Protein backbone atom coordinates (compact mmCIF):
# COMPACT_ATOMS: atom_id res chain seq x y z
CA MET A 1 -31.40 -2.11 45.00
CA THR A 2 -27.78 -2.30 46.17
CA SER A 3 -25.27 0.32 45.11
CA PHE A 4 -23.42 -2.33 43.07
CA ALA A 5 -26.61 -3.34 41.26
CA LEU A 6 -27.45 0.31 40.65
CA ARG A 7 -24.01 0.97 39.17
CA ALA A 8 -24.29 -2.13 36.99
CA THR A 9 -27.73 -1.09 35.77
CA CYS A 10 -26.49 2.41 34.97
CA ALA A 11 -23.53 0.96 33.07
CA VAL A 12 -25.80 -1.26 30.98
CA VAL A 13 -28.13 1.65 30.23
CA ALA A 14 -25.18 3.86 29.26
CA LEU A 15 -23.77 1.16 26.98
CA ALA A 16 -27.14 0.62 25.33
CA ALA A 17 -27.54 4.35 24.79
CA SER A 18 -24.05 4.58 23.30
CA LEU A 19 -24.72 1.70 20.91
CA ALA A 20 -28.02 3.26 19.90
CA VAL A 21 -26.29 6.56 19.09
CA GLN A 22 -23.61 4.73 17.08
CA ALA A 23 -26.24 2.82 15.12
CA GLN A 24 -28.10 6.05 14.38
CA ASP A 25 -24.86 7.75 13.30
CA ALA A 26 -24.00 4.84 11.00
CA ALA A 27 -27.47 4.83 9.47
CA SER A 28 -27.16 8.49 8.47
CA TYR A 29 -23.41 8.39 7.68
CA PRO A 30 -22.08 10.29 5.86
CA ILE A 31 -23.87 13.60 6.30
CA LYS A 32 -20.94 15.73 5.07
CA PRO A 33 -17.90 15.35 2.77
CA VAL A 34 -15.33 12.69 3.67
CA THR A 35 -11.59 13.29 3.35
CA LEU A 36 -9.50 10.45 1.92
CA VAL A 37 -5.85 10.99 2.87
CA VAL A 38 -3.37 9.59 0.33
CA PRO A 39 0.21 9.37 1.66
CA THR A 40 1.85 9.76 -1.77
CA ALA A 41 2.22 12.50 -4.35
CA ALA A 42 -0.45 13.10 -6.97
CA GLY A 43 -0.10 11.08 -10.16
CA GLY A 44 1.36 7.83 -8.80
CA GLY A 45 -0.28 4.42 -8.64
CA THR A 46 -1.71 4.87 -5.15
CA ASP A 47 -3.13 8.28 -6.00
CA THR A 48 -4.66 7.08 -9.28
CA ILE A 49 -6.59 4.24 -7.65
CA ALA A 50 -7.54 6.37 -4.64
CA ARG A 51 -9.12 8.97 -6.93
CA MET A 52 -11.12 6.32 -8.74
CA PHE A 53 -12.49 4.96 -5.47
CA ALA A 54 -13.14 8.45 -4.12
CA ASP A 55 -15.41 9.01 -7.10
CA VAL A 56 -17.11 5.62 -6.71
CA LEU A 57 -17.66 6.02 -2.97
CA GLY A 58 -18.92 9.55 -3.39
CA LYS A 59 -21.62 8.38 -5.78
CA ALA A 60 -22.54 5.36 -3.65
CA LEU A 61 -22.75 7.23 -0.33
CA LYS A 62 -24.09 10.54 -1.71
CA GLN A 63 -21.31 12.71 -0.31
CA PRO A 64 -18.04 13.93 -1.88
CA PHE A 65 -14.87 11.99 -1.00
CA ILE A 66 -12.07 14.55 -1.19
CA ILE A 67 -8.45 13.51 -1.83
CA ASP A 68 -5.82 15.01 0.48
CA ASN A 69 -2.29 14.13 -0.70
CA ARG A 70 0.24 14.05 2.15
CA PRO A 71 3.41 12.44 0.76
CA GLY A 72 6.57 11.73 2.71
CA ALA A 73 8.34 9.35 5.09
CA ASN A 74 7.07 6.25 3.26
CA GLY A 75 3.47 6.98 4.11
CA LEU A 76 4.02 8.00 7.73
CA LEU A 77 2.91 11.60 7.26
CA GLY A 78 -0.45 10.58 5.88
CA ALA A 79 -0.95 7.84 8.46
CA GLU A 80 -0.16 10.16 11.36
CA ASN A 81 -2.60 12.74 9.99
CA VAL A 82 -5.45 10.22 10.11
CA LEU A 83 -4.25 8.74 13.40
CA GLY A 84 -4.90 12.04 15.14
CA ALA A 85 -8.30 12.62 13.52
CA PRO A 86 -11.68 12.12 15.23
CA ALA A 87 -12.88 8.51 14.95
CA ASP A 88 -16.08 9.44 13.14
CA GLY A 89 -15.45 8.17 9.61
CA TYR A 90 -14.86 11.59 8.06
CA ARG A 91 -11.08 11.32 7.67
CA LEU A 92 -9.86 8.03 6.22
CA LEU A 93 -6.52 6.72 4.98
CA PHE A 94 -6.04 5.19 1.52
CA THR A 95 -2.65 3.54 1.82
CA TYR A 96 -0.42 0.61 0.91
CA THR A 97 1.43 -2.33 2.45
CA ALA A 98 4.77 -0.74 3.27
CA ALA A 99 3.23 2.26 5.00
CA MET A 100 1.15 0.11 7.35
CA VAL A 101 3.07 -3.13 7.95
CA VAL A 102 6.69 -2.37 7.00
CA ASN A 103 7.13 0.89 8.91
CA PRO A 104 6.16 -0.65 12.28
CA VAL A 105 8.78 -3.37 11.73
CA LEU A 106 11.51 -1.24 10.20
CA LEU A 107 11.47 1.78 12.49
CA LYS A 108 13.18 1.73 15.88
CA LYS A 109 10.33 3.78 17.37
CA PRO A 110 7.23 3.17 15.23
CA PRO A 111 4.58 5.88 15.72
CA PHE A 112 1.65 3.47 15.59
CA ASP A 113 0.46 -0.12 15.79
CA PRO A 114 -1.60 -0.84 12.65
CA LEU A 115 -3.78 -3.40 14.45
CA LYS A 116 -4.51 -1.30 17.55
CA ASP A 117 -4.38 2.30 16.39
CA PHE A 118 -6.24 1.83 13.09
CA ALA A 119 -9.42 0.06 12.03
CA PRO A 120 -8.86 -1.85 8.76
CA VAL A 121 -11.84 -1.07 6.52
CA ALA A 122 -11.24 -2.83 3.20
CA GLN A 123 -8.50 -4.22 1.01
CA ILE A 124 -8.44 -2.81 -2.52
CA GLY A 125 -6.35 -4.70 -5.03
CA ARG A 126 -3.14 -6.63 -4.66
CA GLY A 127 -0.17 -6.79 -6.98
CA GLY A 128 3.57 -7.21 -7.20
CA ASN A 129 6.43 -5.03 -8.34
CA ILE A 130 8.61 -4.97 -11.42
CA MET A 131 12.35 -4.34 -11.54
CA MET A 132 13.12 -1.84 -14.28
CA VAL A 133 16.34 -0.29 -15.56
CA ARG A 134 16.97 2.74 -17.74
CA LYS A 135 16.64 1.79 -21.38
CA ASP A 136 20.28 2.56 -22.26
CA LEU A 137 21.76 0.37 -19.50
CA PRO A 138 23.61 -2.41 -21.40
CA VAL A 139 21.76 -5.35 -19.81
CA SER A 140 18.74 -7.37 -20.95
CA ASN A 141 18.09 -9.71 -18.01
CA LEU A 142 18.73 -10.01 -14.29
CA LYS A 143 21.88 -12.12 -14.64
CA GLU A 144 23.45 -9.51 -16.90
CA PHE A 145 22.44 -6.77 -14.46
CA VAL A 146 23.99 -8.61 -11.51
CA ASP A 147 27.23 -9.15 -13.45
CA TYR A 148 27.25 -5.50 -14.56
CA ALA A 149 26.65 -4.20 -11.02
CA LYS A 150 29.23 -6.53 -9.47
CA ALA A 151 31.84 -5.17 -11.87
CA ARG A 152 30.98 -1.64 -10.67
CA PRO A 153 30.47 -1.90 -6.89
CA GLY A 154 28.83 1.21 -5.45
CA LYS A 155 28.62 2.99 -8.80
CA LEU A 156 25.01 2.17 -9.69
CA ASN A 157 22.02 3.71 -7.97
CA TYR A 158 18.35 2.85 -7.68
CA CYS A 159 15.31 4.81 -6.61
CA SER A 160 12.20 3.86 -4.67
CA TRP A 161 9.02 5.59 -3.59
CA GLY A 162 10.46 6.02 -0.09
CA ALA A 163 12.83 4.57 2.49
CA GLY A 164 11.26 1.36 3.75
CA SER A 165 8.92 1.05 0.78
CA GLY A 166 8.24 -2.25 -0.93
CA GLY A 167 10.51 -1.25 -3.80
CA HIS A 168 13.33 -0.35 -1.42
CA LEU A 169 13.09 -3.58 0.56
CA THR A 170 12.73 -5.81 -2.49
CA MET A 171 15.93 -4.34 -3.92
CA GLU A 172 17.71 -4.69 -0.57
CA VAL A 173 16.81 -8.39 -0.38
CA LEU A 174 17.98 -8.90 -3.97
CA MET A 175 21.23 -7.06 -3.27
CA LYS A 176 21.82 -9.21 -0.18
CA GLN A 177 21.22 -12.45 -2.07
CA ALA A 178 23.20 -11.39 -5.15
CA GLY A 179 26.06 -9.72 -3.28
CA LEU A 180 25.56 -6.26 -4.81
CA THR A 181 26.35 -2.76 -3.56
CA MET A 182 24.24 0.09 -4.92
CA THR A 183 23.13 3.50 -3.67
CA HIS A 184 19.49 3.98 -2.66
CA VAL A 185 17.77 7.24 -3.68
CA PRO A 186 14.39 7.59 -1.92
CA TYR A 187 11.63 9.70 -3.49
CA LYS A 188 8.23 10.93 -2.29
CA GLY A 189 6.18 8.63 -4.51
CA SER A 190 6.55 6.30 -7.47
CA MET A 191 5.81 8.92 -10.14
CA PRO A 192 8.94 11.11 -9.62
CA CYS A 193 11.05 7.98 -9.13
CA ASN A 194 9.85 6.54 -12.44
CA GLN A 195 10.27 9.88 -14.20
CA ASP A 196 13.93 10.04 -13.23
CA LEU A 197 14.43 6.42 -14.30
CA VAL A 198 12.97 7.26 -17.71
CA GLY A 199 15.17 10.36 -17.83
CA GLY A 200 18.30 8.38 -16.99
CA GLN A 201 19.03 10.13 -13.68
CA VAL A 202 18.87 6.76 -11.88
CA ASP A 203 19.86 3.31 -13.08
CA ALA A 204 17.15 1.01 -11.72
CA ASN A 205 14.13 0.63 -9.49
CA TRP A 206 11.33 -1.64 -8.35
CA SER A 207 7.92 -0.12 -8.97
CA ASP A 208 4.30 -1.24 -8.67
CA VAL A 209 2.67 -2.95 -11.64
CA SER A 210 0.11 -0.20 -12.23
CA THR A 211 2.75 2.39 -13.07
CA SER A 212 5.48 0.06 -14.40
CA ILE A 213 3.72 -1.84 -17.16
CA PRO A 214 2.79 1.21 -19.31
CA LEU A 215 6.42 2.40 -19.21
CA VAL A 216 7.71 -1.03 -20.22
CA GLN A 217 5.15 -1.48 -22.99
CA ALA A 218 6.02 1.97 -24.37
CA GLY A 219 9.72 1.04 -24.49
CA ARG A 220 10.73 3.86 -22.14
CA VAL A 221 12.45 1.45 -19.71
CA LYS A 222 13.48 -2.20 -19.67
CA ALA A 223 11.84 -4.75 -17.35
CA LEU A 224 14.15 -7.44 -15.99
CA VAL A 225 12.08 -9.42 -13.48
CA SER A 226 8.87 -9.35 -11.42
CA SER A 227 8.36 -10.02 -7.70
CA THR A 228 5.14 -11.94 -8.33
CA PRO A 229 4.69 -15.71 -7.78
CA THR A 230 3.90 -16.21 -11.49
CA ARG A 231 4.59 -14.23 -14.64
CA LEU A 232 2.37 -11.25 -15.34
CA PRO A 233 -0.02 -11.82 -18.28
CA GLN A 234 0.74 -8.31 -19.54
CA LEU A 235 4.50 -9.06 -19.65
CA PRO A 236 4.75 -12.78 -20.42
CA ASP A 237 8.44 -12.56 -21.38
CA VAL A 238 9.50 -11.09 -18.02
CA PRO A 239 10.52 -13.87 -15.58
CA THR A 240 9.83 -13.94 -11.86
CA LEU A 241 12.51 -13.67 -9.19
CA ASN A 242 12.10 -17.37 -8.50
CA GLU A 243 12.69 -18.22 -12.15
CA ALA A 244 15.77 -15.98 -12.16
CA GLY A 245 17.26 -17.89 -9.23
CA TYR A 246 16.23 -15.71 -6.29
CA PRO A 247 13.67 -17.59 -4.16
CA PHE A 248 11.47 -14.88 -2.71
CA THR A 249 8.35 -12.94 -3.64
CA THR A 250 6.91 -9.63 -2.47
CA TYR A 251 3.57 -8.03 -3.15
CA SER A 252 1.70 -4.90 -2.21
CA TRP A 253 -1.93 -4.16 -1.53
CA TYR A 254 -3.94 -1.00 -1.30
CA GLY A 255 -6.39 -0.55 1.53
CA VAL A 256 -8.61 1.86 3.42
CA PHE A 257 -8.13 2.43 7.15
CA ALA A 258 -10.01 4.51 9.72
CA PRO A 259 -8.89 5.73 13.15
CA GLY A 260 -8.91 2.84 15.60
CA LYS A 261 -12.01 3.77 17.59
CA THR A 262 -14.26 4.38 14.59
CA PRO A 263 -17.67 2.76 15.26
CA PRO A 264 -17.81 -0.75 13.73
CA ALA A 265 -21.11 0.09 12.04
CA ILE A 266 -19.46 2.90 10.07
CA VAL A 267 -16.51 0.65 9.18
CA ALA A 268 -18.98 -2.00 7.98
CA LYS A 269 -20.89 0.53 5.88
CA LEU A 270 -17.69 1.69 4.17
CA ASN A 271 -16.59 -1.91 3.61
CA GLU A 272 -19.93 -2.77 2.01
CA ALA A 273 -19.67 0.20 -0.35
CA ILE A 274 -16.11 -0.74 -1.35
CA GLN A 275 -16.96 -4.41 -1.89
CA THR A 276 -19.95 -3.41 -4.02
CA ALA A 277 -17.63 -1.21 -6.08
CA LEU A 278 -15.11 -4.02 -6.58
CA LYS A 279 -17.91 -6.21 -7.95
CA ASP A 280 -18.95 -3.53 -10.44
CA PRO A 281 -17.85 -4.56 -13.98
CA VAL A 282 -16.80 -1.00 -14.81
CA VAL A 283 -14.56 -0.74 -11.73
CA ALA A 284 -13.18 -4.25 -12.25
CA LYS A 285 -12.35 -3.38 -15.87
CA ARG A 286 -10.60 -0.20 -14.79
CA MET A 287 -8.60 -2.09 -12.15
CA LEU A 288 -7.55 -4.56 -14.84
CA GLU A 289 -6.50 -1.65 -17.05
CA LEU A 290 -4.38 -0.48 -14.11
CA ASN A 291 -2.85 -3.99 -14.11
CA PHE A 292 -4.51 -5.30 -10.96
CA THR A 293 -5.84 -8.81 -11.55
CA ASP A 294 -6.22 -9.77 -7.87
CA LEU A 295 -9.21 -8.04 -6.24
CA PRO A 296 -9.80 -9.71 -2.87
CA LEU A 297 -13.27 -9.21 -1.40
CA ALA A 298 -12.43 -9.04 2.29
CA THR A 299 -14.48 -8.13 5.33
CA PRO A 300 -12.86 -5.80 7.88
CA GLU A 301 -12.00 -8.85 10.00
CA GLN A 302 -10.42 -10.67 7.04
CA PHE A 303 -8.43 -7.59 6.07
CA LYS A 304 -7.21 -7.27 9.67
CA ALA A 305 -6.03 -10.90 9.51
CA THR A 306 -4.15 -10.10 6.29
CA VAL A 307 -2.43 -7.16 7.97
CA ALA A 308 -1.45 -9.37 10.92
CA LYS A 309 0.03 -12.06 8.65
CA ASP A 310 1.91 -9.50 6.57
CA LEU A 311 3.41 -8.07 9.76
CA GLN A 312 4.82 -11.53 10.53
CA ASP A 313 6.09 -12.10 6.98
CA TRP A 314 7.77 -8.70 6.65
CA THR A 315 9.33 -9.04 10.10
CA ALA A 316 11.05 -12.23 8.96
CA LEU A 317 12.14 -10.69 5.65
CA ILE A 318 13.52 -7.52 7.23
CA LYS A 319 15.40 -9.49 9.88
CA SER A 320 17.01 -11.54 7.09
CA ILE A 321 18.69 -8.41 5.69
CA GLY A 322 19.31 -6.70 9.04
CA LEU A 323 17.83 -3.37 8.00
CA THR A 324 16.48 -0.72 10.39
CA LEU A 325 15.61 2.96 10.01
CA ASP A 326 15.76 5.73 12.61
């Protein structure tokens, strides 16, 4: 046997052995608790849904899924924590659109490439955002708000769950199209942002449907418009941006990611468990109660394609407003 043939044979044997070990690891996975990193503060929409799925996955895979909240920098702190973890499926990221596809576009020096440095596992729910204002602001629709803000340039403020978040960017696009000037106040999560809106410390915000709708229905804030393509069934009197004369939509998804070199068999096992959970009537009912009506059942490959398309779409949107972050 030639030296080349010997090297080739050894390479094939090594690859086969590696694949066999990965298959064995996946078959027994998980054999210890799994950490689910959530890049927002406890109590917000992302955290609420993450905790529900941690419980569901723990029961399905017979090991605890432990929540580790790491808020800050619009999800970057949590993402970087998982990015540096071993690619063995025991530290995962439960995150959202802006953290994974907006940051890489918005930042001058993005710390990761979501398609190369992470392995998309599963998409969990998709929904839009709602623009809310404090209940004592003397406006009842978007036109009145625009007129009110134009008469007070720079005097109104709005909060978001972080610089570069979906709420931040949606408001920036609206301000660009409407010719408004307002001050952005970034928070570490939607919960404290919404609390200060209810308390009157800020004038307006865009927030995800899961945390917005209960506040609107309780009369603690006023909803002016949604970023969804069609009106929300829970708030049929709230128009969309398109209906209000601003032709754009934005939406957010939740999803689970693993470090990029995680064995595909482990990714597939996690995806199967999540898809099974999404088909469960109890989970589906709870997601509906949290105001998520769109529950896409996506394979890891389909979710990766969604991430790739969203990168393209957000790149175009961010370029249209000329926004960058250091």
